[in-house]
């Protein structure tokens, strides 16, 4: 009976390390696949018509606000102003921008002419 019993085979520390590295590699590959799937889903949502509509509306509000605040400015003036504002605090600029968009970015009420596209 003793001849038939099988003794437990102990693994060396190197073998255990190799197994742990294999497990880590498998988990990493699995997580990378999940991250890629999430990125693809995020891009699909960003490409959705509702997202494009929101971006278009935000762009129109910006253009209206820019026309009211600085009527004679074009893109070159805007870029120069942005470059000068790089030294300012980002949070302060964001808050001030939100306030200005609320004040000047809203369209007029009532019927509007169709945009030429």
N, C-alpha and C. Protein backbone atom coordinates (compact mmCIF):
# COMPACT_ATOMS: atom_id res chain seq x y z
N UNK A 1 0.82 -1.18 0.00
CA UNK A 1 0.00 0.00 0.00
C UNK A 1 0.86 1.25 0.00
N UNK A 2 1.98 1.21 0.68
CA UNK A 2 2.87 2.36 0.69
C UNK A 2 3.45 2.63 -0.69
N UNK A 3 3.60 1.61 -1.50
CA UNK A 3 4.14 1.80 -2.83
C UNK A 3 3.17 2.56 -3.72
N UNK A 4 1.88 2.42 -3.46
CA UNK A 4 0.88 3.05 -4.31
C UNK A 4 0.56 4.48 -3.89
N UNK A 5 0.88 4.85 -2.69
CA UNK A 5 0.59 6.21 -2.27
C UNK A 5 1.57 7.16 -2.95
N UNK A 6 1.04 8.25 -3.32
CA UNK A 6 1.86 9.23 -4.03
C UNK A 6 2.19 10.38 -3.08
N UNK A 7 3.43 10.71 -3.03
CA UNK A 7 3.85 11.79 -2.15
C UNK A 7 3.62 13.13 -2.85
N UNK A 8 3.40 14.12 -2.05
CA UNK A 8 3.19 15.47 -2.56
C UNK A 8 4.50 16.01 -3.11
N UNK A 9 4.42 16.51 -4.33
CA UNK A 9 5.62 17.06 -4.94
C UNK A 9 5.67 18.55 -4.66
N UNK A 10 6.71 18.98 -4.01
CA UNK A 10 6.84 20.39 -3.66
C UNK A 10 7.51 21.13 -4.81
N UNK A 11 6.97 22.35 -5.02
CA UNK A 11 7.55 23.17 -6.09
C UNK A 11 8.61 24.09 -5.50
N UNK A 12 9.56 24.40 -6.31
CA UNK A 12 10.62 25.30 -5.85
C UNK A 12 10.09 26.74 -5.89
N UNK A 13 10.75 27.64 -5.18
CA UNK A 13 10.32 29.04 -5.22
C UNK A 13 10.36 29.63 -6.63
N UNK A 14 11.32 29.18 -7.44
CA UNK A 14 11.38 29.68 -8.81
C UNK A 14 10.15 29.25 -9.61
N UNK A 15 9.72 28.02 -9.42
CA UNK A 15 8.53 27.53 -10.13
C UNK A 15 7.29 28.30 -9.69
N UNK A 16 7.20 28.57 -8.40
CA UNK A 16 6.06 29.35 -7.91
C UNK A 16 6.08 30.76 -8.47
N UNK A 17 7.26 31.37 -8.55
CA UNK A 17 7.38 32.70 -9.14
C UNK A 17 6.95 32.71 -10.61
N UNK A 18 7.35 31.70 -11.34
CA UNK A 18 6.96 31.60 -12.75
C UNK A 18 5.45 31.48 -12.86
N UNK A 19 4.84 30.68 -12.02
CA UNK A 19 3.38 30.54 -12.05
C UNK A 19 2.69 31.86 -11.72
N UNK A 20 3.21 32.58 -10.71
CA UNK A 20 2.61 33.87 -10.37
C UNK A 20 2.76 34.87 -11.51
N UNK A 21 3.90 34.84 -12.18
CA UNK A 21 4.09 35.75 -13.32
C UNK A 21 3.13 35.41 -14.46
N UNK A 22 2.89 34.13 -14.69
CA UNK A 22 1.92 33.71 -15.72
C UNK A 22 0.51 34.21 -15.35
N UNK A 23 0.16 34.05 -14.09
CA UNK A 23 -1.16 34.53 -13.64
C UNK A 23 -1.27 36.04 -13.82
N UNK A 24 -0.22 36.76 -13.44
CA UNK A 24 -0.23 38.21 -13.57
C UNK A 24 -0.36 38.61 -15.03
N UNK A 25 0.34 37.93 -15.92
CA UNK A 25 0.26 38.23 -17.35
C UNK A 25 -1.17 37.98 -17.88
N UNK A 26 -1.78 36.88 -17.45
CA UNK A 26 -3.13 36.56 -17.89
C UNK A 26 -4.12 37.62 -17.41
N UNK A 27 -3.98 38.03 -16.17
CA UNK A 27 -4.87 39.05 -15.61
C UNK A 27 -4.67 40.37 -16.33
N UNK A 28 -3.43 40.73 -16.62
CA UNK A 28 -3.14 41.97 -17.32
C UNK A 28 -3.75 41.97 -18.72
N UNK A 29 -3.62 40.86 -19.43
CA UNK A 29 -4.21 40.76 -20.76
C UNK A 29 -5.73 40.88 -20.71
N UNK A 30 -6.32 40.25 -19.70
CA UNK A 30 -7.77 40.32 -19.54
C UNK A 30 -8.23 41.75 -19.27
N UNK A 31 -7.50 42.46 -18.39
CA UNK A 31 -7.84 43.85 -18.09
C UNK A 31 -7.65 44.76 -19.30
N UNK A 32 -6.60 44.50 -20.08
CA UNK A 32 -6.39 45.30 -21.30
C UNK A 32 -7.55 45.11 -22.27
N UNK A 33 -8.04 43.88 -22.41
CA UNK A 33 -9.17 43.62 -23.29
C UNK A 33 -10.42 44.36 -22.78
N UNK A 34 -10.62 44.35 -21.48
CA UNK A 34 -11.76 45.06 -20.91
C UNK A 34 -11.64 46.56 -21.12
N UNK A 35 -10.44 47.11 -20.95
CA UNK A 35 -10.22 48.54 -21.18
C UNK A 35 -10.48 48.92 -22.63
N UNK A 36 -10.05 48.08 -23.55
CA UNK A 36 -10.29 48.36 -24.96
C UNK A 36 -11.78 48.34 -25.27
N UNK A 37 -12.50 47.40 -24.66
CA UNK A 37 -13.94 47.34 -24.87
C UNK A 37 -14.61 48.59 -24.33
N UNK A 38 -14.17 49.07 -23.16
CA UNK A 38 -14.73 50.29 -22.58
C UNK A 38 -14.43 51.51 -23.46
N UNK A 39 -13.21 51.58 -23.99
CA UNK A 39 -12.86 52.70 -24.87
C UNK A 39 -13.71 52.69 -26.13
N UNK A 40 -13.95 51.51 -26.69
CA UNK A 40 -14.79 51.41 -27.88
C UNK A 40 -16.21 51.85 -27.57
N UNK A 41 -16.72 51.46 -26.42
CA UNK A 41 -18.06 51.85 -26.01
C UNK A 41 -18.13 53.37 -25.80
N UNK A 42 -17.09 53.93 -25.21
CA UNK A 42 -17.03 55.36 -24.98
C UNK A 42 -17.05 56.11 -26.32
N UNK A 43 -16.31 55.62 -27.29
CA UNK A 43 -16.29 56.26 -28.60
C UNK A 43 -17.64 56.16 -29.29
N UNK A 44 -18.31 55.02 -29.15
CA UNK A 44 -19.65 54.89 -29.75
C UNK A 44 -20.61 55.90 -29.15
N UNK A 45 -20.53 56.09 -27.85
CA UNK A 45 -21.41 57.06 -27.20
C UNK A 45 -21.07 58.47 -27.65
N UNK A 46 -19.77 58.77 -27.78
CA UNK A 46 -19.37 60.11 -28.23
C UNK A 46 -19.80 60.37 -29.67
N UNK A 47 -19.93 59.32 -30.46
CA UNK A 47 -20.32 59.47 -31.86
C UNK A 47 -21.84 59.50 -32.03
N UNK A 48 -22.56 59.29 -30.95
CA UNK A 48 -24.02 59.23 -31.02
C UNK A 48 -24.58 60.58 -31.46
N UNK A 49 -25.70 60.59 -32.15
CA UNK A 49 -26.29 61.85 -32.61
C UNK A 49 -26.59 62.83 -31.49
N UNK A 50 -27.01 62.34 -30.34
CA UNK A 50 -27.31 63.25 -29.23
C UNK A 50 -26.05 63.95 -28.75
N UNK A 51 -24.93 63.25 -28.73
CA UNK A 51 -23.67 63.87 -28.32
C UNK A 51 -23.23 64.92 -29.33
N UNK A 52 -23.37 64.60 -30.61
CA UNK A 52 -23.01 65.57 -31.64
C UNK A 52 -23.90 66.79 -31.55
N UNK A 53 -25.16 66.58 -31.23
CA UNK A 53 -26.08 67.71 -31.10
C UNK A 53 -25.67 68.61 -29.93
N UNK A 54 -25.28 68.00 -28.80
CA UNK A 54 -24.84 68.77 -27.65
C UNK A 54 -23.57 69.55 -27.97
N UNK A 55 -22.63 68.93 -28.67
CA UNK A 55 -21.40 69.62 -29.05
C UNK A 55 -21.69 70.78 -29.99
N UNK A 56 -22.59 70.57 -30.94
CA UNK A 56 -22.96 71.62 -31.87
C UNK A 56 -23.61 72.78 -31.13
N UNK A 57 -24.49 72.47 -30.18
CA UNK A 57 -25.17 73.51 -29.40
C UNK A 57 -24.15 74.29 -28.56
N UNK A 58 -23.20 73.59 -27.95
CA UNK A 58 -22.16 74.25 -27.16
C UNK A 58 -21.31 75.17 -28.04
N UNK A 59 -20.99 74.71 -29.27
CA UNK A 59 -20.21 75.52 -30.19
C UNK A 59 -20.98 76.77 -30.60
N UNK A 60 -22.27 76.63 -30.85
CA UNK A 60 -23.09 77.78 -31.23
C UNK A 60 -23.17 78.78 -30.08
N UNK A 61 -23.31 78.27 -28.85
CA UNK A 61 -23.36 79.17 -27.69
C UNK A 61 -22.04 79.93 -27.55
N UNK A 62 -20.93 79.22 -27.78
CA UNK A 62 -19.63 79.88 -27.71
C UNK A 62 -19.53 80.98 -28.77
N UNK A 63 -19.94 80.68 -29.98
CA UNK A 63 -19.86 81.68 -31.05
C UNK A 63 -20.73 82.89 -30.75
N UNK A 64 -21.93 82.66 -30.22
CA UNK A 64 -22.80 83.79 -29.86
C UNK A 64 -22.16 84.63 -28.76
N UNK A 65 -21.63 83.97 -27.74
CA UNK A 65 -21.01 84.70 -26.62
C UNK A 65 -19.78 85.48 -27.11
N UNK A 66 -18.97 84.86 -27.96
CA UNK A 66 -17.78 85.54 -28.48
C UNK A 66 -18.17 86.75 -29.32
N UNK A 67 -19.24 86.64 -30.10
CA UNK A 67 -19.68 87.76 -30.93
C UNK A 67 -20.18 88.92 -30.07
N UNK A 68 -20.78 88.62 -28.93
CA UNK A 68 -21.29 89.68 -28.05
C UNK A 68 -20.15 90.32 -27.26
N UNK A 69 -19.25 89.50 -26.72
CA UNK A 69 -18.18 90.01 -25.86
C UNK A 69 -17.13 90.77 -26.67
N UNK A 70 -16.71 90.20 -27.80
CA UNK A 70 -15.66 90.82 -28.63
C UNK A 70 -16.12 90.82 -30.08
N UNK A 71 -16.96 91.79 -30.48
CA UNK A 71 -17.57 91.74 -31.80
C UNK A 71 -16.59 91.81 -32.98
N UNK A 72 -15.46 92.49 -32.85
CA UNK A 72 -14.57 92.64 -33.98
C UNK A 72 -13.49 91.57 -34.08
N UNK A 73 -13.49 90.61 -33.18
CA UNK A 73 -12.41 89.63 -33.12
C UNK A 73 -12.65 88.48 -34.07
N UNK A 74 -11.54 87.92 -34.58
CA UNK A 74 -11.63 86.68 -35.36
C UNK A 74 -10.79 85.61 -34.65
N UNK A 75 -10.50 84.52 -35.33
CA UNK A 75 -9.81 83.40 -34.70
C UNK A 75 -8.41 83.77 -34.22
N UNK A 76 -7.72 84.65 -34.94
CA UNK A 76 -6.37 85.05 -34.53
C UNK A 76 -6.40 85.77 -33.20
N UNK A 77 -7.39 86.65 -33.02
CA UNK A 77 -7.52 87.35 -31.75
C UNK A 77 -7.81 86.36 -30.61
N UNK A 78 -8.68 85.40 -30.89
CA UNK A 78 -9.04 84.40 -29.87
C UNK A 78 -7.81 83.60 -29.45
N UNK A 79 -7.01 83.18 -30.43
CA UNK A 79 -5.81 82.41 -30.10
C UNK A 79 -4.83 83.22 -29.27
N UNK A 80 -4.67 84.48 -29.60
CA UNK A 80 -3.76 85.33 -28.83
C UNK A 80 -4.26 85.51 -27.40
N UNK A 81 -5.57 85.68 -27.26
CA UNK A 81 -6.14 85.83 -25.91
C UNK A 81 -5.98 84.54 -25.11
N UNK A 82 -6.14 83.39 -25.76
CA UNK A 82 -5.97 82.11 -25.07
C UNK A 82 -4.52 81.95 -24.63
N UNK A 83 -3.59 82.35 -25.48
CA UNK A 83 -2.17 82.22 -25.14
C UNK A 83 -1.84 83.11 -23.95
N UNK A 84 -2.42 84.29 -23.90
CA UNK A 84 -2.18 85.19 -22.77
C UNK A 84 -2.81 84.65 -21.49
N UNK A 85 -3.91 83.91 -21.62
CA UNK A 85 -4.63 83.38 -20.46
C UNK A 85 -3.99 82.12 -19.89
N UNK A 86 -2.99 81.57 -20.56
CA UNK A 86 -2.36 80.35 -20.06
C UNK A 86 -1.71 80.54 -18.69
N UNK A 87 -1.35 81.76 -18.35
CA UNK A 87 -0.71 82.02 -17.06
C UNK A 87 -1.73 82.12 -15.93
N UNK A 88 -2.99 82.19 -16.24
CA UNK A 88 -4.04 82.33 -15.23
C UNK A 88 -4.38 80.98 -14.60
N UNK A 89 -5.09 81.04 -13.48
CA UNK A 89 -5.55 79.83 -12.79
C UNK A 89 -6.67 79.19 -13.61
N UNK A 90 -6.56 77.89 -13.84
CA UNK A 90 -7.51 77.19 -14.70
C UNK A 90 -8.92 77.19 -14.12
N UNK A 91 -9.04 76.99 -12.83
CA UNK A 91 -10.36 76.96 -12.19
C UNK A 91 -11.05 78.32 -12.28
N UNK A 92 -10.30 79.39 -12.08
CA UNK A 92 -10.85 80.74 -12.18
C UNK A 92 -11.35 81.00 -13.59
N UNK A 93 -10.55 80.60 -14.58
CA UNK A 93 -10.95 80.79 -15.98
C UNK A 93 -12.21 79.98 -16.30
N UNK A 94 -12.28 78.75 -15.80
CA UNK A 94 -13.45 77.90 -16.07
C UNK A 94 -14.72 78.53 -15.47
N UNK A 95 -14.62 79.01 -14.23
CA UNK A 95 -15.78 79.62 -13.59
C UNK A 95 -16.23 80.88 -14.32
N UNK A 96 -15.26 81.71 -14.69
CA UNK A 96 -15.60 82.95 -15.41
C UNK A 96 -16.19 82.62 -16.78
N UNK A 97 -15.65 81.62 -17.45
CA UNK A 97 -16.19 81.21 -18.75
C UNK A 97 -17.61 80.70 -18.65
N UNK A 98 -17.89 79.90 -17.63
CA UNK A 98 -19.25 79.40 -17.42
C UNK A 98 -20.22 80.56 -17.21
N UNK A 99 -19.79 81.52 -16.42
CA UNK A 99 -20.64 82.68 -16.13
C UNK A 99 -20.92 83.46 -17.42
N UNK A 100 -19.88 83.69 -18.23
CA UNK A 100 -20.07 84.42 -19.47
C UNK A 100 -20.92 83.66 -20.47
N UNK A 101 -20.77 82.34 -20.51
CA UNK A 101 -21.61 81.53 -21.41
C UNK A 101 -23.08 81.63 -21.00
N UNK A 102 -23.34 81.65 -19.70
CA UNK A 102 -24.71 81.78 -19.22
C UNK A 102 -25.28 83.15 -19.59
N UNK A 103 -24.47 84.19 -19.45
CA UNK A 103 -24.95 85.53 -19.73
C UNK A 103 -25.15 85.80 -21.21
N UNK A 104 -24.17 85.39 -22.02
CA UNK A 104 -24.18 85.82 -23.42
C UNK A 104 -24.39 84.70 -24.42
N UNK A 105 -24.38 83.47 -24.00
CA UNK A 105 -24.42 82.36 -24.95
C UNK A 105 -25.79 81.89 -25.35
N UNK A 106 -26.83 82.36 -24.68
CA UNK A 106 -28.17 81.88 -24.98
C UNK A 106 -28.67 82.55 -26.26
N UNK A 107 -29.40 81.77 -27.04
CA UNK A 107 -29.97 82.32 -28.25
C UNK A 107 -31.20 83.15 -27.94
N UNK A 108 -31.63 83.89 -28.92
CA UNK A 108 -32.82 84.69 -28.73
C UNK A 108 -34.04 83.80 -28.75
N UNK A 109 -35.06 84.22 -28.03
CA UNK A 109 -36.29 83.45 -27.99
C UNK A 109 -37.08 83.74 -29.25
N UNK A 110 -37.92 82.82 -29.60
CA UNK A 110 -38.78 83.03 -30.76
C UNK A 110 -38.29 82.28 -31.97
N UNK A 111 -38.92 82.55 -33.07
CA UNK A 111 -38.61 81.84 -34.30
C UNK A 111 -37.28 82.33 -34.87
N UNK A 112 -36.49 81.37 -35.35
CA UNK A 112 -35.20 81.70 -35.93
C UNK A 112 -35.15 81.25 -37.37
N UNK A 113 -34.34 81.92 -38.14
CA UNK A 113 -34.14 81.48 -39.52
C UNK A 113 -33.35 80.18 -39.52
N UNK A 114 -33.59 79.33 -40.51
CA UNK A 114 -32.87 78.07 -40.60
C UNK A 114 -31.42 78.35 -40.94
N UNK A 115 -30.50 77.64 -40.29
CA UNK A 115 -29.07 77.85 -40.59
C UNK A 115 -28.74 77.29 -41.97
N UNK A 116 -27.84 77.93 -42.65
CA UNK A 116 -27.42 77.49 -43.97
C UNK A 116 -26.32 76.46 -43.77
N UNK A 117 -26.59 75.20 -44.13
CA UNK A 117 -25.58 74.14 -43.97
C UNK A 117 -25.40 73.38 -45.22
